[in-house]
Amino acid sequence: MFAPSGSERKVSSLDALPELHSSQRIITPVAFHPLDLDIVFFGAKVLSLATTLERDSLKLKATAFPKRLLFPKLQGKSASGQYFHGTARTSRVKALFWGPKKAAEPPEMDYLLKDFILTEFPLKEGSPNADKVKKISVSVVSSILEVSPKDWDACNLDAVGPGNFNPFLTHGFLSSLEESGSAVKETGWIPRHIIARNECENILGVVPLYLKSHSYGEFVFDHSWADAYYSYGARYYPKLQCSVPFTPVTGQRILVRNTPIKDQVFDFLVLAMKDLAVKFQVSSLHITFPSASEWHRLKEKGFLQRTGMQYHWKNRNYKNFDEFLMDMKQSKRKNIRQERKKISTQNLTMKRLRGYEIKARHWDAFYDFYRNTTDNKWGSAYLTREFFHIMGSKLGDHILLVAAEEGDELVAGALNLIGGDAIFGRLWGCLPRAYYPSLHFEACYYQAIEAAIELNLSTVEAGAQGEHKIQRGYLPVTTYSCHYILDEGFREVIDNFLVRETAQVNVLILRIFTTHPRILFDRVLLVQSFSFYRLRWL
């Protein structure tokens, strides 16, 4: 599609656009749309990819550009393999073009990725084995069921230690997703887990990895990136996703046994993921909700860094719920007590069930609650009924189900998982067409806080989104993700976008901390949450 010379095209602009010469005329910005990306084409040659946190739409006149492009990196060979020169035709502008948006078919899998050679250390100087070379073999499995629960869980536990145990990274949880048909090829989650073994076939590291044909169920949003690739005539899908499906919970993603060579195994697994991205010819590799330490290490390995925000409750050694309330302003304290009183006035009884206390009828009822929530809010259910039954049988006491009963009838529920030092709130639902004022707050927030105090756990993670959590004692924390973009042009522009997005997230979190009614933010907490400020703002 072509436009005549002198016609105006509406495009996006931001810092990533080439620096405009004084002879290039830009007309006043108009309406913007957040988190969007576009690609601008000029005479069938790529001019730039424009992206912005708060997109400014600009009108660029075709005749306004100089004859030579001012973006050297885009001169030479384009992403499509065509060569072009710096001179540009001003007689016509080629607009956005559309290619097939459907993901390419998954490539055939080579199960053996690569052998890595390492020198065992630490060894005493002069030891006869000082120069001994060992081999680490890295391979791909198409299901976590090909790995024994003992080996997988040993990697998970060694990676973080018992105190930070994460139930979502267990073999039991991940296998429940596959066995139930929730995270499988048919739902756009093709398991491609990476396994590292030594010469004795002992597993030294594992990575939960999926080949994906969409961006749903991730909670780190890149739909606009996919739209940009699509506008460019390129495919964004399939992509590789290192994560726990449907679970916005921070945790170690590269799970390595605690051995003297653990750092090398970590590096080998990262290299294997990047090699797999090239071999599969995907657009990108994403590691979502990794630990802070992984996030920093992966920057050195070519990954772009992104941050987000969640709301967590912190236990300051409270003896009971009332002691926690004393840390709130009087108005907030009063509001929470009023919300909790509404539960008894509605003849509702709250129960916290664990392990064997959770029966099949509870899971069947909770699945109906879950479907009611997804049907009303999201439009699609990621998890099957079988998932809850299988997970319940595998995770046992790591599950905390908060149940609300009216008489003998189960009317609502909230699903939590218990880790080494945290409660993770995940799903909530109630009977269709039922309305119980304040029940959501009671089941999802207050019951979890009470349970954390009773179990002496330090944190309640209440999941993604929800500024209403602030008024109930939950405070913002930073979350992380890492993105390996194979195309250099897209990589540069997305990196520019992420720098500005991160600055906005940091400002938002800082504003919440400085204006929140709880005056309990000592310097240690502030430094931990905002190390980039180094106390300069205090």
Protein backbone atom coordinates (compact mmCIF):
# COMPACT_ATOMS: atom_id res chain seq x y z
CA MET A 1 0.00 0.00 0.00
CA PHE A 2 1.45 3.30 -1.09
CA ALA A 3 0.59 6.92 -0.42
CA PRO A 4 1.17 9.73 -2.92
CA SER A 5 3.99 12.19 -2.40
CA GLY A 6 3.22 14.82 0.20
CA SER A 7 0.48 12.84 1.92
CA GLU A 8 0.50 12.58 5.69
CA ARG A 9 0.75 9.28 7.57
CA LYS A 10 0.06 8.97 11.31
CA VAL A 11 2.87 7.07 13.05
CA SER A 12 4.34 6.66 16.51
CA SER A 13 7.45 8.35 17.81
CA LEU A 14 9.75 8.32 20.81
CA ASP A 15 13.37 8.55 21.75
CA ALA A 16 14.14 5.49 19.63
CA LEU A 17 13.38 7.35 16.41
CA PRO A 18 16.42 8.68 14.54
CA GLU A 19 17.47 12.12 15.65
CA LEU A 20 15.51 14.50 13.45
CA HIS A 21 17.33 17.07 11.34
CA SER A 22 16.15 20.67 11.51
CA SER A 23 14.86 20.29 7.98
CA GLN A 24 12.51 17.51 9.06
CA ARG A 25 9.18 18.99 9.93
CA ILE A 26 7.10 17.46 12.73
CA ILE A 27 3.51 18.48 13.28
CA THR A 28 2.02 18.82 16.78
CA PRO A 29 1.58 15.56 18.73
CA VAL A 30 -1.94 14.20 19.05
CA ALA A 31 -3.58 11.50 21.18
CA PHE A 32 -1.39 8.76 22.66
CA HIS A 33 -1.96 5.17 23.64
CA PRO A 34 0.15 3.47 26.36
CA LEU A 35 2.54 0.61 25.77
CA ASP A 36 2.22 0.46 22.01
CA LEU A 37 4.76 -0.15 19.27
CA ASP A 38 4.70 0.61 15.58
CA ILE A 39 7.07 0.30 12.71
CA VAL A 40 7.48 3.08 10.21
CA PHE A 41 8.43 2.22 6.64
CA PHE A 42 9.93 4.72 4.22
CA GLY A 43 10.00 3.88 0.53
CA ALA A 44 9.97 0.10 1.22
CA LYS A 45 13.03 0.51 3.50
CA VAL A 46 12.86 0.26 7.27
CA LEU A 47 13.23 3.71 8.79
CA SER A 48 12.76 2.81 12.45
CA LEU A 49 10.76 0.96 15.03
CA ALA A 50 8.99 3.41 17.31
CA THR A 51 7.90 2.48 20.79
CA THR A 52 6.99 4.43 23.92
CA LEU A 53 5.57 4.06 27.40
CA GLU A 54 3.19 6.91 26.63
CA ARG A 55 3.05 6.92 22.86
CA ASP A 56 2.99 10.24 21.05
CA SER A 57 1.35 9.95 17.65
CA LEU A 58 3.02 12.27 15.17
CA LYS A 59 2.22 13.21 11.61
CA LEU A 60 5.29 12.96 9.42
CA LYS A 61 5.19 14.40 5.92
CA ALA A 62 6.86 12.28 3.31
CA THR A 63 8.59 15.27 1.74
CA ALA A 64 9.99 16.38 5.10
CA PHE A 65 12.83 13.83 5.26
CA PRO A 66 16.30 14.58 3.92
CA LYS A 67 17.64 12.45 1.11
CA ARG A 68 19.94 10.49 3.40
CA LEU A 69 18.66 8.65 6.44
CA LEU A 70 20.12 9.76 9.74
CA PHE A 71 20.09 6.34 11.41
CA PRO A 72 23.39 4.63 10.42
CA LYS A 73 22.52 1.31 12.06
CA LEU A 74 19.59 0.91 9.70
CA GLN A 75 21.70 1.48 6.61
CA GLY A 76 23.14 -1.59 4.97
CA LYS A 77 21.39 -4.91 5.31
CA SER A 78 17.82 -5.05 6.55
CA ALA A 79 16.34 -7.75 8.77
CA SER A 80 14.79 -9.31 5.68
CA GLY A 81 18.21 -9.68 4.09
CA GLN A 82 17.78 -6.92 1.48
CA TYR A 83 20.49 -4.31 0.99
CA PHE A 84 19.62 -0.65 0.88
CA HIS A 85 21.43 2.67 0.78
CA GLY A 86 21.12 5.88 2.74
CA THR A 87 19.36 7.80 -0.01
CA ALA A 88 15.59 7.82 0.14
CA ARG A 89 12.91 8.42 -2.42
CA THR A 90 10.54 11.17 -1.37
CA SER A 91 7.98 10.44 -4.04
CA ARG A 92 6.10 7.88 -2.01
CA VAL A 93 5.88 6.30 1.42
CA LYS A 94 5.21 2.66 2.06
CA ALA A 95 2.86 2.23 5.00
CA LEU A 96 2.69 -0.61 7.48
CA PHE A 97 2.24 -3.98 5.84
CA TRP A 98 0.66 -7.10 7.22
CA GLY A 99 2.01 -10.59 7.09
CA PRO A 100 0.67 -13.80 8.58
CA LYS A 101 0.06 -13.37 12.32
CA LYS A 102 -0.30 -17.06 13.04
CA ALA A 103 2.67 -18.62 14.78
CA ALA A 104 4.97 -20.80 12.73
CA GLU A 105 4.78 -24.52 13.25
CA PRO A 106 7.06 -25.75 16.08
CA PRO A 107 10.35 -26.97 14.66
CA GLU A 108 11.54 -30.53 14.98
CA MET A 109 13.38 -31.00 18.24
CA ASP A 110 16.95 -32.15 18.61
CA TYR A 111 16.98 -33.58 22.11
CA LEU A 112 20.73 -33.19 22.61
CA LEU A 113 21.71 -29.53 22.61
CA LYS A 114 25.39 -29.36 23.37
CA ASP A 115 28.23 -30.74 25.41
CA PHE A 116 30.10 -28.26 27.58
CA ILE A 117 33.61 -28.87 28.85
CA LEU A 118 34.62 -27.70 32.31
CA THR A 119 37.57 -28.05 34.64
CA GLU A 120 36.56 -29.34 38.05
CA PHE A 121 37.29 -26.96 40.88
CA PRO A 122 38.18 -26.06 43.53
CA LEU A 123 41.05 -28.53 43.70
CA LYS A 124 44.24 -28.27 45.69
CA GLU A 125 47.23 -27.14 43.70
CA GLY A 126 49.29 -30.12 42.59
CA SER A 127 46.37 -32.51 42.85
CA PRO A 128 46.56 -35.34 40.28
CA ASN A 129 43.03 -34.37 39.13
CA ALA A 130 43.80 -30.67 38.80
CA ASP A 131 43.80 -30.83 35.01
CA LYS A 132 40.98 -33.33 34.77
CA VAL A 133 38.35 -32.28 32.26
CA LYS A 134 34.71 -33.17 32.69
CA LYS A 135 31.78 -32.91 30.36
CA ILE A 136 28.32 -31.50 31.02
CA SER A 137 25.67 -32.62 28.55
CA VAL A 138 22.64 -30.41 28.04
CA SER A 139 19.49 -31.83 26.52
CA VAL A 140 15.81 -31.02 26.06
CA VAL A 141 12.84 -33.06 27.27
CA SER A 142 9.31 -32.73 25.93
CA SER A 143 7.70 -33.34 29.33
CA ILE A 144 8.73 -32.93 32.93
CA LEU A 145 7.52 -36.50 33.42
CA GLU A 146 10.77 -37.58 31.72
CA VAL A 147 12.64 -36.30 34.78
CA SER A 148 12.31 -37.98 38.16
CA PRO A 149 10.65 -35.88 40.89
CA LYS A 150 13.62 -36.57 43.15
CA ASP A 151 16.15 -35.11 40.70
CA TRP A 152 14.04 -32.09 39.74
CA ASP A 153 13.12 -31.20 43.33
CA ALA A 154 16.73 -31.57 44.46
CA CYS A 155 17.70 -28.90 41.94
CA ASN A 156 14.84 -26.67 43.09
CA LEU A 157 15.73 -27.00 46.77
CA ASP A 158 19.47 -26.58 46.25
CA ALA A 159 18.94 -23.47 44.14
CA VAL A 160 17.29 -21.48 46.93
CA GLY A 161 17.63 -23.41 50.18
CA PRO A 162 14.80 -24.67 52.45
CA GLY A 163 14.05 -21.20 53.81
CA ASN A 164 13.08 -19.92 50.35
CA PHE A 165 11.41 -23.08 49.10
CA ASN A 166 9.10 -22.30 46.17
CA PRO A 167 6.26 -24.83 45.64
CA PHE A 168 5.57 -23.61 42.12
CA LEU A 169 8.96 -24.84 40.92
CA THR A 170 8.39 -28.35 42.23
CA HIS A 171 7.97 -31.35 40.00
CA GLY A 172 4.55 -31.86 41.57
CA PHE A 173 3.17 -28.48 40.54
CA LEU A 174 4.68 -28.38 37.05
CA SER A 175 3.72 -31.97 36.28
CA SER A 176 0.16 -31.22 37.41
CA LEU A 177 -0.03 -28.54 34.74
CA GLU A 178 1.08 -31.01 32.06
CA GLU A 179 -0.88 -34.06 33.22
CA SER A 180 -4.10 -32.07 33.47
CA GLY A 181 -3.77 -30.66 29.96
CA SER A 182 -3.36 -27.09 31.23
CA ALA A 183 0.17 -26.35 29.96
CA VAL A 184 0.54 -28.50 26.85
CA LYS A 185 0.86 -28.09 23.09
CA GLU A 186 -2.92 -27.81 22.63
CA THR A 187 -3.02 -24.74 24.89
CA GLY A 188 0.02 -23.09 23.35
CA TRP A 189 2.52 -24.19 26.02
CA ILE A 190 4.86 -26.80 24.53
CA PRO A 191 7.23 -28.10 27.24
CA ARG A 192 10.88 -27.86 26.24
CA HIS A 193 12.58 -28.22 29.61
CA ILE A 194 16.38 -28.14 29.65
CA ILE A 195 18.36 -30.68 31.64
CA ALA A 196 22.09 -30.62 32.47
CA ARG A 197 23.82 -33.91 33.33
CA ASN A 198 27.37 -34.87 34.13
CA GLU A 199 29.19 -37.89 32.69
CA CYS A 200 27.66 -40.10 35.36
CA GLU A 201 24.17 -39.07 34.20
CA ASN A 202 23.53 -37.19 37.44
CA ILE A 203 21.27 -34.20 36.92
CA LEU A 204 23.02 -30.98 37.96
CA GLY A 205 20.54 -28.41 36.70
CA VAL A 206 17.10 -27.97 35.18
CA VAL A 207 15.17 -25.12 33.56
CA PRO A 208 11.37 -24.99 33.12
CA LEU A 209 11.02 -23.84 29.51
CA TYR A 210 8.14 -23.66 27.05
CA LEU A 211 7.78 -22.99 23.34
CA LYS A 212 4.79 -20.66 23.08
CA SER A 213 2.44 -19.58 20.32
CA HIS A 214 0.89 -16.67 22.25
CA SER A 215 1.51 -14.37 25.22
CA TYR A 216 -1.36 -15.37 27.51
CA GLY A 217 -0.88 -16.59 31.07
CA GLU A 218 2.45 -14.81 31.59
CA PHE A 219 1.59 -11.59 33.51
CA VAL A 220 4.49 -9.76 31.84
CA PHE A 221 2.87 -8.15 28.86
CA ASP A 222 4.52 -8.13 25.44
CA HIS A 223 1.49 -8.10 23.15
CA SER A 224 2.57 -4.74 21.75
CA TRP A 225 5.96 -6.22 20.89
CA ALA A 226 4.19 -8.96 18.96
CA ASP A 227 2.11 -6.32 17.15
CA ALA A 228 5.29 -4.52 16.17
CA TYR A 229 6.80 -7.66 14.67
CA TYR A 230 3.53 -8.29 12.89
CA SER A 231 3.51 -4.76 11.46
CA TYR A 232 7.07 -5.31 10.32
CA GLY A 233 6.01 -8.41 8.42
CA ALA A 234 7.90 -10.68 10.82
CA ARG A 235 6.76 -13.41 13.20
CA TYR A 236 6.93 -12.92 16.95
CA TYR A 237 5.59 -16.40 17.64
CA PRO A 238 6.72 -18.96 18.49
CA LYS A 239 8.88 -17.67 21.32
CA LEU A 240 10.62 -19.37 24.24
CA GLN A 241 9.29 -18.73 27.73
CA CYS A 242 11.15 -19.67 30.91
CA SER A 243 8.51 -19.43 33.60
CA VAL A 244 5.89 -21.17 35.67
CA PRO A 245 2.74 -21.11 33.52
CA PHE A 246 -0.09 -18.88 34.76
CA THR A 247 1.88 -17.95 37.89
CA PRO A 248 3.21 -14.42 38.57
CA VAL A 249 5.40 -15.51 41.48
CA THR A 250 9.05 -14.55 41.79
CA GLY A 251 11.47 -17.44 42.16
CA GLN A 252 14.64 -19.01 40.86
CA ARG A 253 14.24 -20.01 37.22
CA ILE A 254 17.58 -21.70 36.54
CA LEU A 255 17.65 -24.49 39.10
CA VAL A 256 21.15 -25.78 39.81
CA ARG A 257 22.46 -28.31 42.33
CA ASN A 258 24.74 -26.96 45.04
CA THR A 259 28.10 -28.27 43.76
CA PRO A 260 31.54 -26.65 43.31
CA ILE A 261 30.71 -26.17 39.63
CA LYS A 262 27.25 -24.65 40.09
CA ASP A 263 28.23 -21.30 38.55
CA GLN A 264 29.51 -23.02 35.42
CA VAL A 265 26.37 -25.15 35.17
CA PHE A 266 24.29 -21.97 35.47
CA ASP A 267 26.22 -20.41 32.59
CA PHE A 268 25.89 -23.57 30.50
CA LEU A 269 22.12 -23.61 30.96
CA VAL A 270 21.85 -19.96 29.90
CA LEU A 271 23.96 -20.64 26.83
CA ALA A 272 21.79 -23.66 26.05
CA MET A 273 18.64 -21.55 26.17
CA LYS A 274 20.15 -18.99 23.82
CA ASP A 275 21.36 -21.74 21.47
CA LEU A 276 17.91 -23.27 21.50
CA ALA A 277 16.38 -19.91 20.57
CA VAL A 278 18.63 -19.76 17.51
CA LYS A 279 18.03 -23.41 16.62
CA PHE A 280 14.24 -23.01 16.87
CA GLN A 281 14.41 -19.71 14.92
CA VAL A 282 12.20 -17.96 17.46
CA SER A 283 11.97 -14.20 17.83
CA SER A 284 12.91 -14.09 21.48
CA LEU A 285 13.57 -15.80 24.79
CA HIS A 286 11.85 -14.53 27.94
CA ILE A 287 12.59 -15.31 31.59
CA THR A 288 9.75 -13.95 33.69
CA PHE A 289 9.67 -13.44 37.46
CA PRO A 290 13.24 -14.61 38.09
CA SER A 291 15.02 -13.90 41.36
CA ALA A 292 16.81 -10.57 41.74
CA SER A 293 20.19 -12.29 41.63
CA GLU A 294 19.36 -14.03 38.35
CA TRP A 295 18.08 -10.77 36.92
CA HIS A 296 21.41 -9.07 37.56
CA ARG A 297 23.46 -12.01 36.26
CA LEU A 298 21.47 -12.30 33.06
CA LYS A 299 22.10 -8.68 32.16
CA GLU A 300 25.75 -9.62 31.69
CA LYS A 301 24.67 -12.35 29.28
CA GLY A 302 22.86 -10.08 26.85
CA PHE A 303 19.35 -10.08 28.30
CA LEU A 304 17.29 -6.89 28.42
CA GLN A 305 15.99 -6.04 31.88
CA ARG A 306 12.40 -5.23 32.78
CA THR A 307 10.74 -4.47 36.08
CA GLY A 308 7.18 -4.59 37.34
CA MET A 309 5.34 -4.23 40.61
CA GLN A 310 3.31 -6.38 42.95
CA TYR A 311 1.87 -5.96 46.44
CA HIS A 312 3.18 -8.06 49.33
CA TRP A 313 2.44 -8.08 53.05
CA LYS A 314 5.41 -8.22 55.42
CA ASN A 315 5.26 -9.81 58.86
CA ARG A 316 7.02 -7.59 61.40
CA ASN A 317 6.97 -10.32 64.04
CA TYR A 318 3.30 -9.78 64.82
CA LYS A 319 1.78 -11.96 67.51
CA ASN A 320 -1.75 -11.65 66.13
CA PHE A 321 -3.88 -9.77 63.61
CA ASP A 322 -4.78 -6.99 66.05
CA GLU A 323 -1.11 -6.22 66.59
CA PHE A 324 -0.73 -5.82 62.84
CA LEU A 325 -3.68 -3.42 62.81
CA MET A 326 -1.96 -1.20 65.33
CA ASP A 327 0.57 -0.34 62.63
CA MET A 328 -2.21 1.18 60.54
CA LYS A 329 -3.69 4.64 60.80
CA GLN A 330 -6.86 4.74 62.86
CA SER A 331 -9.09 5.24 59.81
CA LYS A 332 -7.61 2.25 58.00
CA ARG A 333 -7.77 0.15 61.15
CA LYS A 334 -11.45 0.99 61.53
CA ASN A 335 -12.19 0.16 57.89
CA ILE A 336 -10.55 -3.27 58.10
CA ARG A 337 -12.43 -4.14 61.29
CA GLN A 338 -15.72 -3.12 59.70
CA GLU A 339 -14.99 -5.26 56.65
CA ARG A 340 -14.23 -8.27 58.82
CA LYS A 341 -17.43 -7.82 60.86
CA LYS A 342 -19.52 -8.07 57.69
CA ILE A 343 -18.54 -11.73 57.35
CA SER A 344 -20.30 -12.83 60.54
CA THR A 345 -23.33 -10.62 59.87
CA GLN A 346 -23.83 -12.50 56.58
CA ASN A 347 -23.80 -15.84 58.43
CA LEU A 348 -20.56 -16.83 56.74
CA THR A 349 -17.99 -19.10 58.33
CA MET A 350 -14.36 -19.00 57.26
CA LYS A 351 -12.19 -22.13 57.31
CA ARG A 352 -8.54 -22.69 56.43
CA LEU A 353 -8.01 -26.17 55.03
CA ARG A 354 -4.69 -27.91 54.38
CA GLY A 355 -3.56 -31.22 52.94
CA TYR A 356 -5.84 -34.13 53.73
CA GLU A 357 -8.56 -31.72 54.96
CA ILE A 358 -9.20 -30.73 51.35
CA LYS A 359 -11.57 -33.27 49.77
CA ALA A 360 -12.62 -33.88 46.19
CA ARG A 361 -15.83 -31.94 46.78
CA HIS A 362 -13.80 -28.91 47.77
CA TRP A 363 -11.81 -29.02 44.54
CA ASP A 364 -14.93 -29.50 42.42
CA ALA A 365 -16.58 -26.53 44.11
CA PHE A 366 -13.46 -24.41 43.83
CA TYR A 367 -13.15 -25.16 40.13
CA ASP A 368 -16.70 -23.82 39.68
CA PHE A 369 -15.69 -20.69 41.61
CA TYR A 370 -12.58 -20.34 39.45
CA ARG A 371 -14.62 -20.65 36.26
CA ASN A 372 -17.07 -18.04 37.51
CA THR A 373 -14.18 -15.63 38.01
CA THR A 374 -12.56 -16.31 34.64
CA ASP A 375 -15.85 -16.16 32.76
CA ASN A 376 -16.68 -12.78 34.28
CA LYS A 377 -13.21 -11.24 34.22
CA TRP A 378 -10.79 -12.86 31.79
CA GLY A 379 -12.98 -14.73 29.34
CA SER A 380 -10.97 -17.95 29.34
CA ALA A 381 -9.87 -20.49 31.93
CA TYR A 382 -6.28 -21.66 31.75
CA LEU A 383 -6.60 -24.44 34.30
CA THR A 384 -8.69 -27.59 33.98
CA ARG A 385 -10.75 -29.26 36.68
CA GLU A 386 -8.27 -32.12 36.74
CA PHE A 387 -5.44 -29.76 37.57
CA PHE A 388 -6.81 -28.96 41.02
CA HIS A 389 -7.35 -32.62 41.90
CA ILE A 390 -3.88 -33.66 40.68
CA MET A 391 -2.14 -30.73 42.34
CA GLY A 392 -4.00 -31.38 45.59
CA SER A 393 -2.82 -34.97 45.67
CA LYS A 394 0.82 -34.04 44.94
CA LEU A 395 1.42 -30.93 47.04
CA GLY A 396 -0.40 -31.93 50.24
CA ASP A 397 0.25 -29.52 53.12
CA HIS A 398 1.81 -26.95 50.82
CA ILE A 399 -1.76 -26.05 49.84
CA LEU A 400 -3.91 -23.71 51.92
CA LEU A 401 -7.50 -23.43 50.77
CA VAL A 402 -9.54 -20.70 52.43
CA ALA A 403 -13.19 -21.75 52.30
CA ALA A 404 -16.27 -19.63 53.00
CA GLU A 405 -19.39 -21.52 54.02
CA GLU A 406 -22.96 -20.36 54.44
CA GLY A 407 -24.52 -23.05 56.57
CA ASP A 408 -23.39 -26.31 55.02
CA GLU A 409 -22.84 -24.84 51.57
CA LEU A 410 -19.44 -23.86 50.22
CA VAL A 411 -19.96 -20.45 48.61
CA ALA A 412 -16.46 -19.09 47.96
CA GLY A 413 -12.80 -19.94 48.21
CA ALA A 414 -9.25 -18.65 47.85
CA LEU A 415 -6.33 -20.86 46.86
CA ASN A 416 -2.91 -20.29 48.44
CA LEU A 417 0.35 -22.22 48.34
CA ILE A 418 2.78 -22.28 51.25
CA GLY A 419 6.50 -21.95 50.65
CA GLY A 420 9.53 -21.92 52.90
CA ASP A 421 8.83 -18.45 54.29
CA ALA A 422 5.81 -17.15 52.40
CA ILE A 423 2.18 -17.68 51.55
CA PHE A 424 1.37 -17.21 47.87
CA GLY A 425 -2.18 -16.13 47.09
CA ARG A 426 -3.22 -17.39 43.68
CA LEU A 427 -6.89 -17.79 42.80
CA TRP A 428 -10.25 -16.69 44.11
CA GLY A 429 -13.87 -17.32 43.21
CA CYS A 430 -17.42 -17.57 44.50
CA LEU A 431 -20.80 -18.92 43.45
CA PRO A 432 -22.23 -17.47 40.24
CA ARG A 433 -24.57 -14.52 40.76
CA ALA A 434 -23.71 -14.44 44.46
CA TYR A 435 -22.60 -11.26 46.20
CA TYR A 436 -21.11 -11.13 49.67
CA PRO A 437 -19.75 -7.68 50.61
CA SER A 438 -16.09 -7.73 51.76
CA LEU A 439 -15.81 -11.51 51.36
CA HIS A 440 -13.09 -11.15 48.73
CA PHE A 441 -10.94 -9.08 51.11
CA GLU A 442 -11.49 -11.52 53.95
CA ALA A 443 -10.75 -14.69 51.98
CA CYS A 444 -7.82 -13.39 49.95
CA TYR A 445 -6.06 -10.93 52.25
CA TYR A 446 -7.02 -11.10 55.90
CA GLN A 447 -7.15 -14.88 56.17
CA ALA A 448 -3.73 -15.11 54.47
CA ILE A 449 -2.29 -12.58 56.92
CA GLU A 450 -3.67 -14.49 59.90
CA ALA A 451 -2.26 -17.74 58.53
CA ALA A 452 1.18 -16.17 57.99
CA ILE A 453 1.23 -14.89 61.58
CA GLU A 454 0.20 -18.29 62.94
CA LEU A 455 2.80 -20.12 60.83
CA ASN A 456 5.48 -17.50 61.52
CA LEU A 457 6.00 -16.78 57.84
CA SER A 458 7.49 -13.47 56.76
CA THR A 459 5.54 -12.68 53.61
CA VAL A 460 2.17 -12.92 51.91
CA GLU A 461 2.35 -12.47 48.16
CA ALA A 462 -1.07 -11.44 46.93
CA GLY A 463 -0.41 -11.75 43.22
CA ALA A 464 -0.48 -9.23 40.40
CA GLN A 465 -2.27 -5.89 40.26
CA GLY A 466 -4.68 -4.38 42.76
CA GLU A 467 -3.99 -0.97 44.29
CA HIS A 468 -6.79 -1.65 46.77
CA LYS A 469 -4.32 -3.95 48.54
CA ILE A 470 -2.36 -0.92 49.77
CA GLN A 471 -5.21 0.13 52.05
CA ARG A 472 -5.14 -3.34 53.60
CA GLY A 473 -1.49 -3.45 54.55
CA TYR A 474 0.10 -4.77 51.34
CA LEU A 475 3.01 -2.75 50.01
CA PRO A 476 4.67 -2.55 46.58
CA VAL A 477 7.71 -4.61 45.68
CA THR A 478 9.68 -4.80 42.47
CA THR A 479 9.36 -7.81 40.18
CA TYR A 480 11.73 -8.71 37.38
CA SER A 481 11.91 -10.21 33.92
CA CYS A 482 14.68 -10.74 31.35
CA HIS A 483 14.30 -10.69 27.57
CA TYR A 484 16.69 -11.94 24.92
CA ILE A 485 15.68 -10.39 21.57
CA LEU A 486 17.44 -11.97 18.60
CA ASP A 487 16.80 -9.21 16.06
CA GLU A 488 19.24 -6.34 16.74
CA GLY A 489 16.91 -3.64 15.42
CA PHE A 490 14.01 -4.65 17.62
CA ARG A 491 16.37 -5.25 20.50
CA GLU A 492 17.67 -1.69 20.49
CA VAL A 493 14.24 -0.09 20.42
CA ILE A 494 12.72 -2.41 23.02
CA ASP A 495 15.70 -1.70 25.27
CA ASN A 496 14.99 2.04 25.00
CA PHE A 497 11.38 1.40 25.89
CA LEU A 498 12.32 -0.71 28.92
CA VAL A 499 14.67 1.96 30.28
CA ARG A 500 11.87 4.48 30.39
CA GLU A 501 9.31 1.99 31.63
CA THR A 502 11.61 1.01 34.52
CA ALA A 503 12.02 4.64 35.52
CA GLN A 504 8.24 5.04 35.64
CA VAL A 505 7.82 1.92 37.76
CA ASN A 506 10.48 3.12 40.20
CA VAL A 507 8.83 6.52 40.56
CA LEU A 508 5.44 4.90 41.16
CA ILE A 509 6.74 2.58 43.87
CA LEU A 510 8.60 5.40 45.58
CA ARG A 511 5.50 7.59 45.55
CA ILE A 512 3.44 4.85 47.19
CA PHE A 513 6.08 4.35 49.87
CA THR A 514 6.28 8.03 50.71
CA THR A 515 2.53 8.66 50.81
CA HIS A 516 1.21 5.44 52.33
CA PRO A 517 -0.52 5.83 55.74
CA ARG A 518 1.69 3.25 57.45
CA ILE A 519 4.70 5.12 58.84
CA LEU A 520 6.85 2.08 59.31
CA PHE A 521 9.41 2.32 56.57
CA ASP A 522 12.76 2.19 58.25
CA ARG A 523 15.92 2.90 56.30
CA VAL A 524 16.82 -0.78 55.91
CA LEU A 525 13.52 -1.55 54.20
CA LEU A 526 13.86 1.45 51.95
CA VAL A 527 17.39 0.54 50.91
CA GLN A 528 16.33 -3.04 50.16
CA SER A 529 13.39 -1.90 48.06
CA PHE A 530 15.10 1.02 46.36
CA SER A 531 18.80 0.31 46.28
CA PHE A 532 19.09 2.50 43.22
CA TYR A 533 18.35 5.57 45.34
CA ARG A 534 21.11 4.80 47.88
CA LEU A 535 19.26 6.82 50.55
CA ARG A 536 19.85 10.02 48.59
CA TRP A 537 16.17 10.90 48.68
CA LEU A 538 15.83 10.49 52.47
